Amino acid sequence: MFFLPEKKRIYQNQRRIFGNGFLLLDISLAVLLIFLALLPLQAVFYYSQLHLSAARLLTGAVMLAQAGLEESLDASYDSLVSRDRASVPGQPGYSRSISVADSPNGRWKTIVVTVYYPGADGEKQVSLAVQRANPHIRLSSTGQ
């Protein structure tokens, strides 16, 4: 029991030395807790940036495919032909191909525009298709 006053005196001396401020251990624990809380948040930022980039690339590819369809629809029906894959001017990394197929009865053509674009895990593609009727064929009005 007579050791108790000696310990009390040591504690009071430590308080006098350190004052009422924070200890290095307190600050280290606070920094560690903040780091552990922010670490998962960093992964969220990484994946959100990855998905934003993928969405931007896909949107650009769809717009280029739509532009290719518009160009094909502006051309005359008889001049619609397939085009091999070629790079899109002014859009580095993007390429486009157009395939035109006649219907079995010759009443329409199916136009498919495929755009190839760079993705995070390799090359990706998006396709848009439309059918264009032959303007030279008249449908009979027999009521069928």
C-alpha atoms as a PDB file:
ATOM      1  CA  MET A   1       0.000   0.000   0.000  1.00  0.00           C
ATOM      2  CA  PHE A   2       2.777   2.491   0.519  1.00  0.00           C
ATOM      3  CA  PHE A   3       3.629   2.239  -3.232  1.00  0.00           C
ATOM      4  CA  LEU A   4       0.399   4.003  -4.126  1.00  0.00           C
ATOM      5  CA  PRO A   5       1.548   7.546  -3.218  1.00  0.00           C
ATOM      6  CA  GLU A   6       4.748   7.044  -5.250  1.00  0.00           C
ATOM      7  CA  LYS A   7       2.747   6.087  -8.381  1.00  0.00           C
ATOM      8  CA  LYS A   8       0.476   9.070  -7.887  1.00  0.00           C
ATOM      9  CA  ARG A   9       3.456  11.366  -7.790  1.00  0.00           C
ATOM     10  CA  ILE A  10       4.863   9.879 -11.061  1.00  0.00           C
ATOM     11  CA  TYR A  11       1.516  10.355 -12.785  1.00  0.00           C
ATOM     12  CA  GLN A  12       1.374  13.977 -11.644  1.00  0.00           C
ATOM     13  CA  ASN A  13       4.933  14.542 -12.914  1.00  0.00           C
ATOM     14  CA  GLN A  14       3.991  13.096 -16.324  1.00  0.00           C
ATOM     15  CA  ARG A  15       0.970  15.344 -16.502  1.00  0.00           C
ATOM     16  CA  ARG A  16       3.137  18.309 -15.713  1.00  0.00           C
ATOM     17  CA  ILE A  17       5.607  17.311 -18.496  1.00  0.00           C
ATOM     18  CA  PHE A  18       3.022  16.591 -21.228  1.00  0.00           C
ATOM     19  CA  GLY A  19       0.490  19.194 -20.177  1.00  0.00           C
ATOM     20  CA  ASN A  20      -3.089  18.842 -21.407  1.00  0.00           C
ATOM     21  CA  GLY A  21      -2.222  18.340 -25.137  1.00  0.00           C
ATOM     22  CA  PHE A  22      -2.353  15.231 -27.272  1.00  0.00           C
ATOM     23  CA  LEU A  23       0.187  12.453 -27.132  1.00  0.00           C
ATOM     24  CA  LEU A  24       1.928  11.028 -30.163  1.00  0.00           C
ATOM     25  CA  LEU A  25      -0.004   7.820 -29.616  1.00  0.00           C
ATOM     26  CA  ASP A  26      -3.326   9.708 -29.754  1.00  0.00           C
ATOM     27  CA  ILE A  27      -2.397  11.420 -32.998  1.00  0.00           C
ATOM     28  CA  SER A  28      -1.093   8.173 -34.522  1.00  0.00           C
ATOM     29  CA  LEU A  29      -4.327   6.357 -33.713  1.00  0.00           C
ATOM     30  CA  ALA A  30      -6.409   9.181 -35.181  1.00  0.00           C
ATOM     31  CA  VAL A  31      -4.368   9.163 -38.406  1.00  0.00           C
ATOM     32  CA  LEU A  32      -4.664   5.372 -38.619  1.00  0.00           C
ATOM     33  CA  LEU A  33      -8.445   5.496 -38.203  1.00  0.00           C
ATOM     34  CA  ILE A  34      -8.783   8.194 -40.856  1.00  0.00           C
ATOM     35  CA  PHE A  35      -6.591   6.183 -43.232  1.00  0.00           C
ATOM     36  CA  LEU A  36      -8.638   3.033 -42.673  1.00  0.00           C
ATOM     37  CA  ALA A  37     -11.844   4.979 -43.359  1.00  0.00           C
ATOM     38  CA  LEU A  38     -10.507   6.583 -46.554  1.00  0.00           C
ATOM     39  CA  LEU A  39      -9.003   3.421 -48.055  1.00  0.00           C
ATOM     40  CA  PRO A  40     -12.351   1.946 -49.242  1.00  0.00           C
ATOM     41  CA  LEU A  41     -13.344   5.384 -50.492  1.00  0.00           C
ATOM     42  CA  GLN A  42     -10.349   5.362 -52.821  1.00  0.00           C
ATOM     43  CA  ALA A  43     -11.638   2.155 -54.441  1.00  0.00           C
ATOM     44  CA  VAL A  44     -15.014   3.806 -54.997  1.00  0.00           C
ATOM     45  CA  PHE A  45     -13.335   6.709 -56.815  1.00  0.00           C
ATOM     46  CA  TYR A  46     -11.301   4.313 -58.966  1.00  0.00           C
ATOM     47  CA  TYR A  47     -14.305   2.252 -60.080  1.00  0.00           C
ATOM     48  CA  SER A  48     -16.488   5.299 -60.667  1.00  0.00           C
ATOM     49  CA  GLN A  49     -13.789   6.821 -62.881  1.00  0.00           C
ATOM     50  CA  LEU A  50     -13.506   3.522 -64.775  1.00  0.00           C
ATOM     51  CA  HIS A  51     -17.264   3.387 -65.399  1.00  0.00           C
ATOM     52  CA  LEU A  52     -17.419   7.059 -66.422  1.00  0.00           C
ATOM     53  CA  SER A  53     -14.686   6.480 -68.970  1.00  0.00           C
ATOM     54  CA  ALA A  54     -16.432   3.378 -70.356  1.00  0.00           C
ATOM     55  CA  ALA A  55     -19.716   5.280 -70.662  1.00  0.00           C
ATOM     56  CA  ARG A  56     -18.005   8.156 -72.478  1.00  0.00           C
ATOM     57  CA  LEU A  57     -16.392   5.765 -74.977  1.00  0.00           C
ATOM     58  CA  LEU A  58     -19.654   3.885 -75.549  1.00  0.00           C
ATOM     59  CA  THR A  59     -21.573   7.119 -76.093  1.00  0.00           C
ATOM     60  CA  GLY A  60     -19.037   8.237 -78.680  1.00  0.00           C
ATOM     61  CA  ALA A  61     -19.277   4.875 -80.455  1.00  0.00           C
ATOM     62  CA  VAL A  62     -23.084   5.001 -80.585  1.00  0.00           C
ATOM     63  CA  MET A  63     -22.977   8.536 -81.972  1.00  0.00           C
ATOM     64  CA  LEU A  64     -20.532   7.457 -84.690  1.00  0.00           C
ATOM     65  CA  ALA A  65     -22.741   4.474 -85.549  1.00  0.00           C
ATOM     66  CA  GLN A  66     -25.763   6.764 -85.793  1.00  0.00           C
ATOM     67  CA  ALA A  67     -23.799   9.103 -88.059  1.00  0.00           C
ATOM     68  CA  GLY A  68     -22.912   6.138 -90.271  1.00  0.00           C
ATOM     69  CA  LEU A  69     -26.582   5.151 -90.497  1.00  0.00           C
ATOM     70  CA  GLU A  70     -27.554   8.704 -91.425  1.00  0.00           C
ATOM     71  CA  GLU A  71     -24.921   8.771 -94.169  1.00  0.00           C
ATOM     72  CA  SER A  72     -26.239   5.468 -95.531  1.00  0.00           C
ATOM     73  CA  LEU A  73     -29.851   6.610 -95.426  1.00  0.00           C
ATOM     74  CA  ASP A  74     -28.954   9.834 -97.268  1.00  0.00           C
ATOM     75  CA  ALA A  75     -27.485   7.824-100.164  1.00  0.00           C
ATOM     76  CA  SER A  76     -29.718   6.569-102.961  1.00  0.00           C
ATOM     77  CA  TYR A  77     -31.136   3.075-102.566  1.00  0.00           C
ATOM     78  CA  ASP A  78     -29.191   1.643-105.512  1.00  0.00           C
ATOM     79  CA  SER A  79     -25.847   3.023-104.289  1.00  0.00           C
ATOM     80  CA  LEU A  80     -25.998   1.283-100.896  1.00  0.00           C
ATOM     81  CA  VAL A  81     -22.988  -1.015-100.650  1.00  0.00           C
ATOM     82  CA  SER A  82     -21.023  -2.581 -97.831  1.00  0.00           C
ATOM     83  CA  ARG A  83     -17.840  -0.884 -96.668  1.00  0.00           C
ATOM     84  CA  ASP A  84     -14.923  -2.611 -94.989  1.00  0.00           C
ATOM     85  CA  ARG A  85     -13.641  -1.563 -91.604  1.00  0.00           C
ATOM     86  CA  ALA A  86     -11.874   1.789 -91.764  1.00  0.00           C
ATOM     87  CA  SER A  87     -10.797   4.332 -89.182  1.00  0.00           C
ATOM     88  CA  VAL A  88     -13.136   7.234 -88.519  1.00  0.00           C
ATOM     89  CA  PRO A  89     -11.548  10.579 -89.436  1.00  0.00           C
ATOM     90  CA  GLY A  90     -10.988  12.848 -86.451  1.00  0.00           C
ATOM     91  CA  GLN A  91     -11.716  10.052 -83.942  1.00  0.00           C
ATOM     92  CA  PRO A  92      -8.502   8.242 -82.976  1.00  0.00           C
ATOM     93  CA  GLY A  93      -9.039   4.659 -81.850  1.00  0.00           C
ATOM     94  CA  TYR A  94     -12.472   4.352 -83.475  1.00  0.00           C
ATOM     95  CA  SER A  95     -13.159   2.409 -86.674  1.00  0.00           C
ATOM     96  CA  ARG A  96     -16.386   1.679 -88.517  1.00  0.00           C
ATOM     97  CA  SER A  97     -17.724  -0.886 -90.974  1.00  0.00           C
ATOM     98  CA  ILE A  98     -21.022  -0.877 -92.852  1.00  0.00           C
ATOM     99  CA  SER A  99     -22.683  -4.025 -94.137  1.00  0.00           C
ATOM    100  CA  VAL A 100     -25.622  -3.932 -96.526  1.00  0.00           C
ATOM    101  CA  ALA A 101     -27.701  -7.049 -97.184  1.00  0.00           C
ATOM    102  CA  ASP A 102     -30.605  -7.444 -99.603  1.00  0.00           C
ATOM    103  CA  SER A 103     -33.802  -9.081 -98.444  1.00  0.00           C
ATOM    104  CA  PRO A 104     -34.769 -12.387-100.108  1.00  0.00           C
ATOM    105  CA  ASN A 105     -37.647 -10.758-102.000  1.00  0.00           C
ATOM    106  CA  GLY A 106     -35.748  -7.575-102.891  1.00  0.00           C
ATOM    107  CA  ARG A 107     -38.151  -5.248-101.100  1.00  0.00           C
ATOM    108  CA  TRP A 108     -35.661  -3.802 -98.620  1.00  0.00           C
ATOM    109  CA  LYS A 109     -32.033  -3.677 -97.608  1.00  0.00           C
ATOM    110  CA  THR A 110     -30.739  -4.192 -94.103  1.00  0.00           C
ATOM    111  CA  ILE A 111     -27.958  -1.777 -93.155  1.00  0.00           C
ATOM    112  CA  VAL A 112     -25.778  -2.630 -90.136  1.00  0.00           C
ATOM    113  CA  VAL A 113     -23.179  -0.135 -88.934  1.00  0.00           C
ATOM    114  CA  THR A 114     -20.588  -1.527 -86.514  1.00  0.00           C
ATOM    115  CA  VAL A 115     -18.220   0.775 -84.640  1.00  0.00           C
ATOM    116  CA  TYR A 116     -15.121  -0.623 -82.936  1.00  0.00           C
ATOM    117  CA  TYR A 117     -13.710   1.373 -80.038  1.00  0.00           C
ATOM    118  CA  PRO A 118     -11.038   0.944 -77.364  1.00  0.00           C
ATOM    119  CA  GLY A 119     -12.192  -0.272 -73.962  1.00  0.00           C
ATOM    120  CA  ALA A 120     -10.469  -0.811 -70.640  1.00  0.00           C
ATOM    121  CA  ASP A 121     -10.161  -4.556 -71.272  1.00  0.00           C
ATOM    122  CA  GLY A 122      -9.573  -4.539 -75.035  1.00  0.00           C
ATOM    123  CA  GLU A 123     -11.450  -3.596 -78.146  1.00  0.00           C
ATOM    124  CA  LYS A 124     -15.239  -3.403 -77.965  1.00  0.00           C
ATOM    125  CA  GLN A 125     -17.924  -2.914 -80.566  1.00  0.00           C
ATOM    126  CA  VAL A 126     -21.425  -1.549 -80.912  1.00  0.00           C
ATOM    127  CA  SER A 127     -23.800  -2.114 -83.831  1.00  0.00           C
ATOM    128  CA  LEU A 128     -26.902  -0.307 -85.055  1.00  0.00           C
ATOM    129  CA  ALA A 129     -29.170  -1.658 -87.787  1.00  0.00           C
ATOM    130  CA  VAL A 130     -31.965  -0.280 -89.937  1.00  0.00           C
ATOM    131  CA  GLN A 131     -34.042  -1.580 -92.823  1.00  0.00           C
ATOM    132  CA  ARG A 132     -34.630   0.619 -95.840  1.00  0.00           C
ATOM    133  CA  ALA A 133     -37.484  -0.098 -98.213  1.00  0.00           C
ATOM    134  CA  ASN A 134     -36.979  -0.165-101.956  1.00  0.00           C
ATOM    135  CA  PRO A 135     -38.700   2.973-103.290  1.00  0.00           C
ATOM    136  CA  HIS A 136     -39.119   1.418-106.765  1.00  0.00           C
ATOM    137  CA  ILE A 137     -41.466  -1.354-105.620  1.00  0.00           C
ATOM    138  CA  ARG A 138     -45.143  -0.560-105.311  1.00  0.00           C
ATOM    139  CA  LEU A 139     -47.250  -2.661-103.010  1.00  0.00           C
ATOM    140  CA  SER A 140     -50.451  -3.993-104.484  1.00  0.00           C
ATOM    141  CA  SER A 141     -53.642  -2.806-102.830  1.00  0.00           C
ATOM    142  CA  THR A 142     -55.605  -6.044-103.025  1.00  0.00           C
ATOM    143  CA  GLY A 143     -56.707  -5.845 -99.423  1.00  0.00           C
ATOM    144  CA  GLN A 144     -54.345  -8.582 -98.238  1.00  0.00           C
END
